[in-house]
Protein backbone atom coordinates (compact mmCIF):
# COMPACT_ATOMS: atom_id res chain seq x y z
CA MET A 1 31.84 54.02 -33.51
CA LYS A 2 32.50 56.79 -31.35
CA LEU A 3 29.73 58.09 -28.98
CA ASN A 4 30.09 61.41 -27.36
CA ARG A 5 29.20 62.17 -24.14
CA ARG A 6 25.50 63.09 -24.37
CA ASP A 7 24.60 60.52 -26.62
CA PHE A 8 26.84 57.88 -23.81
CA LEU A 9 24.15 58.92 -21.29
CA LYS A 10 21.50 59.26 -22.74
CA THR A 11 22.13 55.46 -23.58
CA SER A 12 23.18 54.49 -20.13
CA PHE A 13 20.13 55.92 -18.56
CA ALA A 14 17.36 54.32 -21.78
CA THR A 15 19.48 50.82 -20.39
CA ALA A 16 19.15 51.13 -16.98
CA ALA A 17 15.45 52.68 -17.00
CA ALA A 18 14.78 49.15 -18.79
CA THR A 19 16.29 46.75 -16.43
CA ALA A 20 14.92 48.70 -13.66
CA LEU A 21 11.32 46.72 -15.09
CA PRO A 22 9.89 44.67 -12.89
CA ASN A 23 9.72 40.67 -13.85
CA VAL A 24 5.62 39.42 -13.83
CA ILE A 25 5.79 36.80 -12.09
CA PRO A 26 2.66 34.37 -11.66
CA ALA A 27 1.85 33.82 -7.62
CA SER A 28 1.36 30.29 -7.91
CA ALA A 29 4.95 30.07 -9.40
CA LEU A 30 6.03 31.20 -5.83
CA GLY A 31 3.57 29.45 -3.55
CA LEU A 32 1.09 32.63 -2.60
CA ASP A 33 -2.42 32.90 -2.48
CA GLY A 34 -2.50 29.17 -1.48
CA ALA A 35 -1.42 27.92 -3.86
CA VAL A 36 1.81 25.17 -3.82
CA ALA A 37 5.49 26.27 -5.63
CA PRO A 38 6.06 23.52 -8.12
CA SER A 39 8.96 23.04 -6.55
CA ASN A 40 7.21 22.08 -3.71
CA ARG A 41 4.87 19.75 -5.44
CA ILE A 42 5.30 16.51 -5.44
CA VAL A 43 4.91 14.81 -9.28
CA LEU A 44 3.31 11.44 -9.28
CA GLY A 45 2.57 8.84 -11.32
CA ALA A 46 0.09 5.47 -11.11
CA ILE A 47 0.73 1.72 -12.42
CA GLY A 48 -2.35 -0.35 -12.77
CA ILE A 49 -6.04 1.73 -11.67
CA GLY A 50 -9.03 -0.38 -11.14
CA ASN A 51 -11.51 0.40 -9.02
CA ARG A 52 -9.04 0.75 -5.78
CA GLY A 53 -6.95 2.46 -7.78
CA SER A 54 -9.41 4.73 -8.76
CA TYR A 55 -10.71 5.72 -5.09
CA ASP A 56 -6.65 6.15 -4.24
CA LEU A 57 -6.02 8.28 -7.27
CA GLY A 58 -9.19 10.31 -6.08
CA CYS A 59 -7.50 11.52 -2.58
CA PHE A 60 -4.07 12.52 -4.71
CA LEU A 61 -5.70 14.21 -6.89
CA GLU A 62 -7.29 16.53 -3.66
CA GLU A 63 -4.23 17.25 -2.52
CA ASP A 64 -3.06 20.69 -3.80
CA ASP A 65 0.75 19.21 -3.49
CA VAL A 66 0.62 16.50 -6.42
CA GLN A 67 1.12 16.84 -9.88
CA PHE A 68 0.08 13.15 -11.65
CA VAL A 69 1.27 13.11 -15.12
CA ALA A 70 1.13 9.44 -15.92
CA ILE A 71 -0.77 6.50 -16.21
CA ALA A 72 0.72 3.01 -17.40
CA ASP A 73 -1.74 -0.16 -17.38
CA VAL A 74 -1.95 -3.31 -19.50
CA LYS A 75 -5.07 -2.22 -20.73
CA ALA A 76 -6.34 0.48 -23.02
CA ALA A 77 -9.26 1.48 -21.78
CA ARG A 78 -8.60 1.91 -18.49
CA ARG A 79 -5.48 3.71 -19.69
CA GLN A 80 -7.56 6.21 -21.25
CA ILE A 81 -10.45 6.89 -18.02
CA VAL A 82 -7.16 8.18 -16.13
CA LYS A 83 -6.13 10.22 -18.72
CA GLU A 84 -9.04 11.73 -19.33
CA ARG A 85 -9.43 12.27 -15.58
CA ALA A 86 -6.42 13.39 -14.92
CA ASP A 87 -6.41 16.18 -17.98
CA ALA A 88 -9.88 16.89 -16.45
CA LYS A 89 -8.56 18.08 -13.45
CA TYR A 90 -5.73 20.39 -14.70
CA GLY A 91 -7.25 21.72 -17.66
CA ASN A 92 -4.72 19.91 -20.60
CA THR A 93 -4.02 17.00 -22.51
CA ASN A 94 -0.64 16.20 -20.69
CA CYS A 95 -1.37 13.14 -18.49
CA ALA A 96 0.85 10.27 -20.43
CA MET A 97 -0.35 6.98 -20.86
CA TYR A 98 2.08 3.96 -21.41
CA ARG A 99 1.23 0.31 -21.57
CA ASP A 100 4.32 -1.15 -20.07
CA LEU A 101 5.47 0.18 -16.16
CA ARG A 102 8.94 0.00 -17.47
CA GLU A 103 8.77 3.31 -19.29
CA LEU A 104 6.80 5.35 -16.75
CA LEU A 105 9.39 4.35 -14.62
CA ALA A 106 12.31 5.53 -16.64
CA ARG A 107 10.87 9.15 -16.43
CA LYS A 108 13.20 11.06 -14.38
CA ASP A 109 10.48 14.01 -13.29
CA ILE A 110 8.77 11.50 -11.33
CA ASP A 111 8.98 11.59 -7.86
CA ALA A 112 6.52 9.15 -6.74
CA VAL A 113 4.24 6.16 -7.76
CA LEU A 114 0.83 4.75 -6.51
CA ILE A 115 0.71 0.95 -7.64
CA ALA A 116 -3.06 -0.54 -7.78
CA THR A 117 -1.97 -3.34 -9.89
CA GLY A 118 -3.39 -7.08 -8.82
CA PRO A 119 -1.06 -8.52 -6.00
CA ASN A 120 1.05 -10.77 -8.01
CA TRP A 121 2.45 -7.54 -9.26
CA HIS A 122 2.64 -5.70 -5.95
CA ALA A 123 5.88 -6.63 -4.66
CA LEU A 124 8.18 -6.66 -8.31
CA ALA A 125 6.29 -3.52 -9.03
CA SER A 126 7.16 -1.43 -5.56
CA ILE A 127 11.01 -2.79 -5.89
CA THR A 128 11.15 -1.74 -9.64
CA ALA A 129 9.97 1.92 -9.17
CA ALA A 130 12.59 1.89 -5.79
CA LYS A 131 15.28 0.62 -7.91
CA ALA A 132 14.61 3.43 -10.41
CA GLY A 133 14.05 6.24 -7.38
CA LYS A 134 10.49 6.52 -6.90
CA ASP A 135 8.90 6.67 -3.32
CA VAL A 136 6.19 4.01 -3.46
CA TYR A 137 1.78 3.91 -2.12
CA CYS A 138 0.67 0.78 -3.10
CA GLU A 139 -2.31 -1.15 -2.15
CA LYS A 140 -2.15 -4.65 -0.23
CA PRO A 141 -1.62 -7.12 0.17
CA CYS A 142 2.14 -6.12 -0.42
CA ALA A 143 3.52 -8.98 -1.80
CA LYS A 144 1.72 -12.31 -2.24
CA THR A 145 4.81 -14.73 -0.24
CA ILE A 146 7.10 -14.30 2.40
CA MET A 147 9.53 -14.38 0.39
CA ASP A 148 8.58 -11.75 -1.65
CA CYS A 149 8.10 -9.48 1.78
CA LEU A 150 11.89 -10.26 2.35
CA SER A 151 12.98 -8.77 -1.02
CA LEU A 152 10.79 -5.74 -0.75
CA ARG A 153 11.92 -4.55 2.62
CA GLU A 154 15.23 -5.32 1.43
CA ALA A 155 15.22 -3.16 -1.44
CA ILE A 156 13.46 -0.06 0.09
CA HIS A 157 16.05 -0.44 2.82
CA ARG A 158 18.72 -0.22 0.38
CA THR A 159 17.53 2.39 -2.24
CA GLY A 160 16.00 4.56 1.05
CA ARG A 161 12.84 5.32 -0.73
CA VAL A 162 9.39 6.18 1.24
CA TYR A 163 7.17 3.12 1.43
CA GLN A 164 3.40 3.31 2.11
CA ALA A 165 1.46 0.05 2.46
CA GLY A 166 -2.29 0.58 1.56
CA THR A 167 -3.51 -0.09 5.27
CA GLN A 168 -5.15 2.62 5.76
CA ARG A 169 -6.40 1.99 9.32
CA ARG A 170 -3.50 2.68 10.67
CA SER A 171 -4.42 6.31 9.95
CA LEU A 172 -8.05 6.23 11.18
CA PRO A 173 -8.59 7.70 14.56
CA ASN A 174 -10.90 5.09 16.00
CA PHE A 175 -8.00 1.98 15.33
CA GLU A 176 -5.68 4.46 16.03
CA PHE A 177 -6.90 4.75 19.45
CA ALA A 178 -7.54 1.21 20.06
CA VAL A 179 -3.90 0.58 19.26
CA ASP A 180 -2.98 3.18 21.68
CA LEU A 181 -5.10 1.74 24.38
CA ALA A 182 -2.90 -1.64 23.82
CA ARG A 183 0.40 0.08 23.58
CA HIS A 184 0.14 2.21 26.71
CA GLY A 185 -0.86 0.05 29.10
CA ARG A 186 -4.36 0.94 29.48
CA LEU A 187 -5.75 -2.60 29.14
CA GLY A 188 -3.26 -3.80 31.24
CA LYS A 189 -0.63 -6.54 30.53
CA LEU A 190 -1.88 -7.63 27.04
CA LYS A 191 -3.09 -10.84 26.61
CA THR A 192 -5.03 -11.82 23.15
CA LEU A 193 -5.70 -10.30 19.84
CA HIS A 194 -8.83 -10.82 17.68
CA ALA A 195 -8.47 -10.20 14.05
CA HIS A 196 -11.24 -10.06 11.24
CA PRO A 197 -9.92 -11.97 8.19
CA ALA A 198 -13.45 -12.37 5.87
CA GLY A 199 -12.53 -15.49 5.02
CA LEU A 200 -10.20 -18.64 6.14
CA LYS A 201 -9.87 -20.41 2.85
CA THR A 202 -6.48 -21.36 1.13
CA GLU A 203 -6.29 -23.24 -2.37
CA THR A 204 -3.73 -23.43 -5.22
CA SER A 205 -3.59 -22.11 -8.53
CA GLY A 206 -5.62 -23.17 -11.28
CA TRP A 207 -6.76 -22.52 -15.20
CA MET A 208 -9.96 -21.28 -16.47
CA PRO A 209 -10.77 -22.26 -20.17
CA GLU A 210 -9.36 -20.52 -22.90
CA GLU A 211 -10.76 -17.58 -24.56
CA ALA A 212 -9.95 -14.90 -27.51
CA ALA A 213 -7.36 -12.41 -26.51
CA PRO A 214 -7.19 -9.26 -27.12
CA SER A 215 -4.85 -6.93 -29.06
CA LYS A 216 -1.51 -6.39 -27.42
CA GLU A 217 -2.57 -2.86 -27.43
CA GLU A 218 -6.07 -3.29 -26.37
CA GLY A 219 -4.53 -5.51 -23.31
CA ASP A 220 -1.84 -7.10 -23.03
CA TRP A 221 -2.17 -10.55 -21.18
CA ASP A 222 1.49 -11.89 -21.10
CA LEU A 223 2.83 -8.10 -18.94
CA TYR A 224 -1.25 -8.44 -16.78
CA LEU A 225 0.19 -12.05 -16.01
CA GLY A 226 3.94 -10.89 -15.28
CA PRO A 227 5.45 -13.11 -13.02
CA ALA A 228 2.48 -15.26 -12.25
CA ALA A 229 2.87 -18.90 -13.44
CA TRP A 230 1.96 -18.78 -17.64
CA ARG A 231 -1.91 -19.68 -18.07
CA PRO A 232 -4.27 -18.89 -21.43
CA PHE A 233 -5.80 -16.08 -21.68
CA ASN A 234 -9.36 -16.05 -20.31
CA ASN A 235 -11.25 -12.96 -19.35
CA GLY A 236 -12.53 -13.61 -16.25
CA LEU A 237 -9.27 -13.65 -15.51
CA PHE A 238 -8.21 -10.63 -16.86
CA LYS A 239 -11.49 -8.70 -15.36
CA SER A 240 -10.67 -9.96 -11.68
CA ALA A 241 -7.07 -9.40 -10.74
CA PHE A 242 -7.31 -11.20 -7.66
CA HIS A 243 -7.45 -14.40 -9.21
CA PHE A 244 -3.83 -13.90 -9.06
CA GLU A 245 -3.14 -13.97 -5.19
CA LYS A 246 -2.96 -17.80 -6.55
CA GLY A 247 -0.05 -16.96 -9.45
CA GLY A 248 1.14 -20.36 -9.62
CA GLY A 249 1.37 -21.09 -5.95
CA LEU A 250 -0.61 -20.88 -2.50
CA VAL A 251 -3.53 -18.96 -2.80
CA GLY A 252 -3.61 -15.52 -0.41
CA GLY A 253 -7.24 -15.65 0.06
CA GLY A 254 -9.14 -13.49 2.87
CA CYS A 255 -6.36 -13.87 5.62
CA LEU A 256 -3.76 -12.41 3.30
CA GLU A 257 -5.77 -9.52 1.33
CA TRP A 258 -8.57 -8.71 3.64
CA GLY A 259 -7.28 -9.91 6.61
CA SER A 260 -3.98 -8.11 5.88
CA HIS A 261 -5.54 -5.15 7.58
CA CYS A 262 -6.73 -6.52 10.53
CA VAL A 263 -4.40 -8.69 11.04
CA ASP A 264 -1.94 -5.28 11.08
CA LEU A 265 -3.77 -3.15 13.14
CA CYS A 266 -2.77 -6.53 15.68
CA GLN A 267 0.65 -6.97 14.82
CA TRP A 268 0.83 -2.86 15.64
CA ALA A 269 -1.03 -2.94 18.87
CA ASN A 270 1.71 -5.27 20.41
CA ASP A 271 4.37 -3.63 19.44
CA ALA A 272 5.17 -5.70 16.65
CA ASP A 273 6.32 -4.49 13.54
CA LYS A 274 9.85 -5.58 13.24
CA THR A 275 8.64 -9.41 14.35
CA ALA A 276 5.85 -11.99 13.85
CA PRO A 277 4.35 -14.97 16.23
CA VAL A 278 6.50 -17.69 16.46
CA GLU A 279 3.37 -20.59 16.15
CA TYR A 280 0.65 -21.12 13.78
CA TRP A 281 -2.53 -23.41 14.29
CA PRO A 282 -5.78 -23.89 13.18
CA GLN A 283 -8.17 -24.99 15.30
CA ASP A 284 -12.44 -24.59 15.16
CA GLU A 285 -12.39 -22.84 12.18
CA GLN A 286 -10.33 -20.15 13.47
CA LEU A 287 -6.41 -19.29 12.99
CA HIS A 288 -4.36 -18.80 16.27
CA ALA A 289 -0.90 -17.68 16.07
CA LEU A 290 1.25 -16.69 19.71
CA TYR A 291 3.92 -14.43 19.72
CA ALA A 292 6.93 -14.55 21.92
CA ASN A 293 6.23 -12.14 24.19
CA GLY A 294 3.04 -14.56 25.05
CA VAL A 295 0.33 -12.25 23.32
CA LYS A 296 -1.98 -15.20 21.22
CA LEU A 297 -3.59 -13.40 17.75
CA VAL A 298 -7.02 -15.15 17.32
CA VAL A 299 -7.94 -14.51 13.75
CA ARG A 300 -12.24 -15.47 13.42
CA ASN A 301 -14.99 -14.27 10.84
CA THR A 302 -17.84 -15.14 13.86
CA GLY A 303 -18.85 -13.38 17.65
CA TRP A 304 -17.84 -9.80 16.72
CA ILE A 305 -20.06 -6.82 18.30
CA PRO A 306 -23.29 -6.43 15.79
CA ASN A 307 -23.32 -3.73 13.32
CA ILE A 308 -19.36 -3.24 14.17
CA GLY A 309 -18.61 -2.58 10.82
CA SER A 310 -16.22 -4.24 8.51
CA CYS A 311 -12.40 -5.22 9.15
CA PRO A 312 -13.07 -5.34 12.93
CA VAL A 313 -10.54 -6.16 16.21
CA ARG A 314 -10.63 -6.54 19.14
CA PHE A 315 -7.72 -6.58 22.00
CA GLU A 316 -7.87 -8.35 25.33
CA GLY A 317 -5.66 -7.11 28.56
CA GLU A 318 -5.73 -8.76 32.10
CA THR A 319 -7.89 -5.69 33.33
CA GLY A 320 -10.01 -4.21 30.15
CA TRP A 321 -10.30 -4.67 26.34
CA VAL A 322 -11.61 -2.49 23.40
CA GLU A 323 -13.16 -3.37 19.79
CA THR A 324 -13.47 -1.58 17.41
CA GLY A 325 -14.55 -1.77 13.07
CA ASP A 326 -15.25 -0.09 10.34
CA ASN A 327 -18.41 1.95 12.02
CA GLY A 328 -15.70 4.53 13.43
CA ASP A 329 -17.18 3.60 17.29
CA LEU A 330 -14.97 2.54 19.63
CA TYR A 331 -16.52 -0.44 22.65
CA THR A 332 -14.36 -0.81 25.54
CA SER A 333 -14.89 -2.61 28.98
CA THR A 334 -15.81 0.18 30.98
CA PRO A 335 -16.41 4.06 29.94
CA GLU A 336 -12.95 5.72 31.70
CA LEU A 337 -11.06 4.21 28.44
CA LEU A 338 -13.00 6.38 25.93
CA ALA A 339 -11.28 9.72 27.56
CA GLY A 340 -9.61 11.49 25.15
CA LYS A 341 -10.60 9.89 22.02
CA ARG A 342 -11.26 12.18 18.91
CA ALA A 343 -14.31 12.49 16.92
CA LYS A 344 -15.97 9.90 14.91
CA ILE A 345 -14.99 9.24 10.89
CA GLY A 346 -17.25 6.33 9.71
CA GLY A 347 -16.09 3.70 6.65
CA TYR A 348 -11.98 4.09 5.71
CA PRO A 349 -11.61 7.04 4.05
CA ALA A 350 -7.35 7.05 2.55
CA ASN A 351 -7.22 10.24 2.67
CA PHE A 352 -5.69 10.81 6.07
CA HIS A 353 -3.03 7.78 5.00
CA ILE A 354 -2.01 9.49 1.67
CA ARG A 355 -1.62 12.69 3.32
CA ASN A 356 0.81 10.75 5.92
CA PHE A 357 2.92 9.14 3.10
CA LEU A 358 3.43 12.89 0.96
CA ASP A 359 4.33 14.64 3.74
CA CYS A 360 7.08 11.31 4.40
CA VAL A 361 7.90 12.07 0.60
CA LYS A 362 9.18 15.23 1.64
CA SER A 363 10.65 15.00 5.52
CA ARG A 364 12.20 11.25 4.20
CA ALA A 365 10.53 10.29 7.64
CA LEU A 366 9.23 6.58 8.15
CA THR A 367 5.07 6.28 7.11
CA ARG A 368 3.25 4.63 9.18
CA ALA A 369 2.54 1.68 6.99
CA ASN A 370 6.55 1.25 6.33
CA ALA A 371 8.78 -1.67 4.54
CA ASP A 372 9.50 -3.29 8.05
CA ALA A 373 5.68 -2.59 9.14
CA ALA A 374 4.10 -4.09 5.96
CA CYS A 375 6.50 -7.48 5.58
CA GLN A 376 6.04 -8.90 9.05
CA THR A 377 2.00 -7.95 8.67
CA HIS A 378 2.53 -9.91 5.90
CA ILE A 379 4.77 -12.54 6.77
CA ALA A 380 2.31 -13.18 9.41
CA CYS A 381 -0.42 -13.66 7.07
CA ASN A 382 1.19 -15.70 5.20
CA ALA A 383 2.47 -18.34 7.57
CA GLY A 384 -0.93 -18.22 9.14
CA ASN A 385 -2.20 -19.48 5.40
CA ILE A 386 0.52 -22.09 5.88
CA ALA A 387 -0.85 -23.20 8.40
CA LEU A 388 -3.99 -23.49 7.60
CA PHE A 389 -3.30 -24.78 4.11
CA LEU A 390 -1.01 -27.53 5.90
CA ASP A 391 -4.02 -28.07 7.93
CA ARG A 392 -1.28 -28.05 11.35
CA LYS A 393 0.29 -26.35 13.30
CA VAL A 394 3.93 -24.77 12.63
CA ALA A 395 7.15 -22.82 14.26
CA TYR A 396 8.31 -20.19 12.85
CA ASP A 397 11.58 -17.95 13.36
CA PRO A 398 11.22 -14.33 12.69
CA LYS A 399 14.91 -13.89 12.88
CA LYS A 400 16.12 -16.58 10.93
CA ASN A 401 12.89 -16.26 8.04
CA GLU A 402 11.49 -19.95 8.33
CA PHE A 403 9.36 -22.27 9.78
CA ILE A 404 11.07 -24.37 12.11
CA GLY A 405 12.67 -28.37 11.66
CA ASP A 406 9.51 -27.77 8.85
CA GLU A 407 10.55 -29.00 4.93
CA GLU A 408 6.97 -29.13 4.04
CA ALA A 409 6.86 -25.46 5.53
CA ASN A 410 9.60 -24.18 4.15
CA ARG A 411 8.49 -25.15 0.82
CA LEU A 412 5.44 -22.94 0.82
CA ARG A 413 8.02 -19.60 1.77
CA GLY A 414 8.09 -19.08 -2.03
CA GLU A 415 7.42 -19.49 -5.83
CA ALA A 416 9.28 -19.27 -9.06
CA MET A 417 8.71 -16.18 -10.66
CA ARG A 418 7.84 -16.39 -14.46
CA GLU A 419 10.95 -15.32 -17.03
CA PRO A 420 11.96 -12.61 -17.26
CA TRP A 421 10.69 -10.89 -14.38
CA ARG A 422 13.06 -11.18 -11.28
CA PHE A 423 13.52 -8.58 -8.31
């Protein structure tokens, strides 16, 4: 077809005018008007969301740069609750549900996962997620045994993923202030650290009476057990994942579960995020430990300042002391030590800790409760539990990660994993 000059110019001008019209791009796609651009959002999935996980998920959902897309849980009712919550948040029906965590972790669009299963799954789920290329926020205790701790740390180092243990008191101002007093010499040379365990009982696992199991889709008992030793279905166990601190071997108990918070703060105060105490012994219904630098750790239930709140710690130096807990107040040997303290925040909110995790996911920096810090805290708690269980003193080498000349204690550093689960 031939065009004369007039037709050619008319066609050219029409085409130019059409292509010159602006494309309308939503402000949210550009990160304008306070919105976060999709390229800056962290796509999040969750694994095992019960009571504590529901709280953590709420903190994540409050962050504008988080897009929550999927839940994996062995219980159908919990999957549905989480889906309804997410869909209501975003005004759609897009939240996916999975029974098996491996299906969620296979998704290439997910950047990070919140893990809030029972303790028997924490280390394995974290390692599996890291191998799948996901960053990990995991509730504590982060690992059940000393060998689990070492496997977790090695996996995070090898994969280069960002890891945050759910010891959220590392991100609260009163605990951070107390730790700074200890670390910066304002208490004089550090002498003794005190941690609250909420219990110092240890025991081996047992079986409960067998009951009729639900369908696999309603509640997958085999997947719930995961790496823990097999035992018949019992609804009491199915409702309370913390029974699986027992898991087939030594119980973590309060020193590992709740005590991991307080021991973690003592580790931090002693600049011990890459080591652990070298001696542990039970004494006067307390657990005592000694670091290589001469600082002593005392894990005790009683003798705290009244109404200090849960999870108290006390740091004592040659010239002063500080004590604080979840009520948010700081108590010191002299008023001068309180200079510069920040506003009080009572309770133990996880918002600051979760924000630290999200910031590190973007920057690839170390989190406050990174894998090294979490590993050493849980090694200290596990070694302390072994001393309590054996009811005697044990000596530990934090470089070789073994008890010195103590075959009985060394056998308790780990436990077998049920087939087919492996790190």
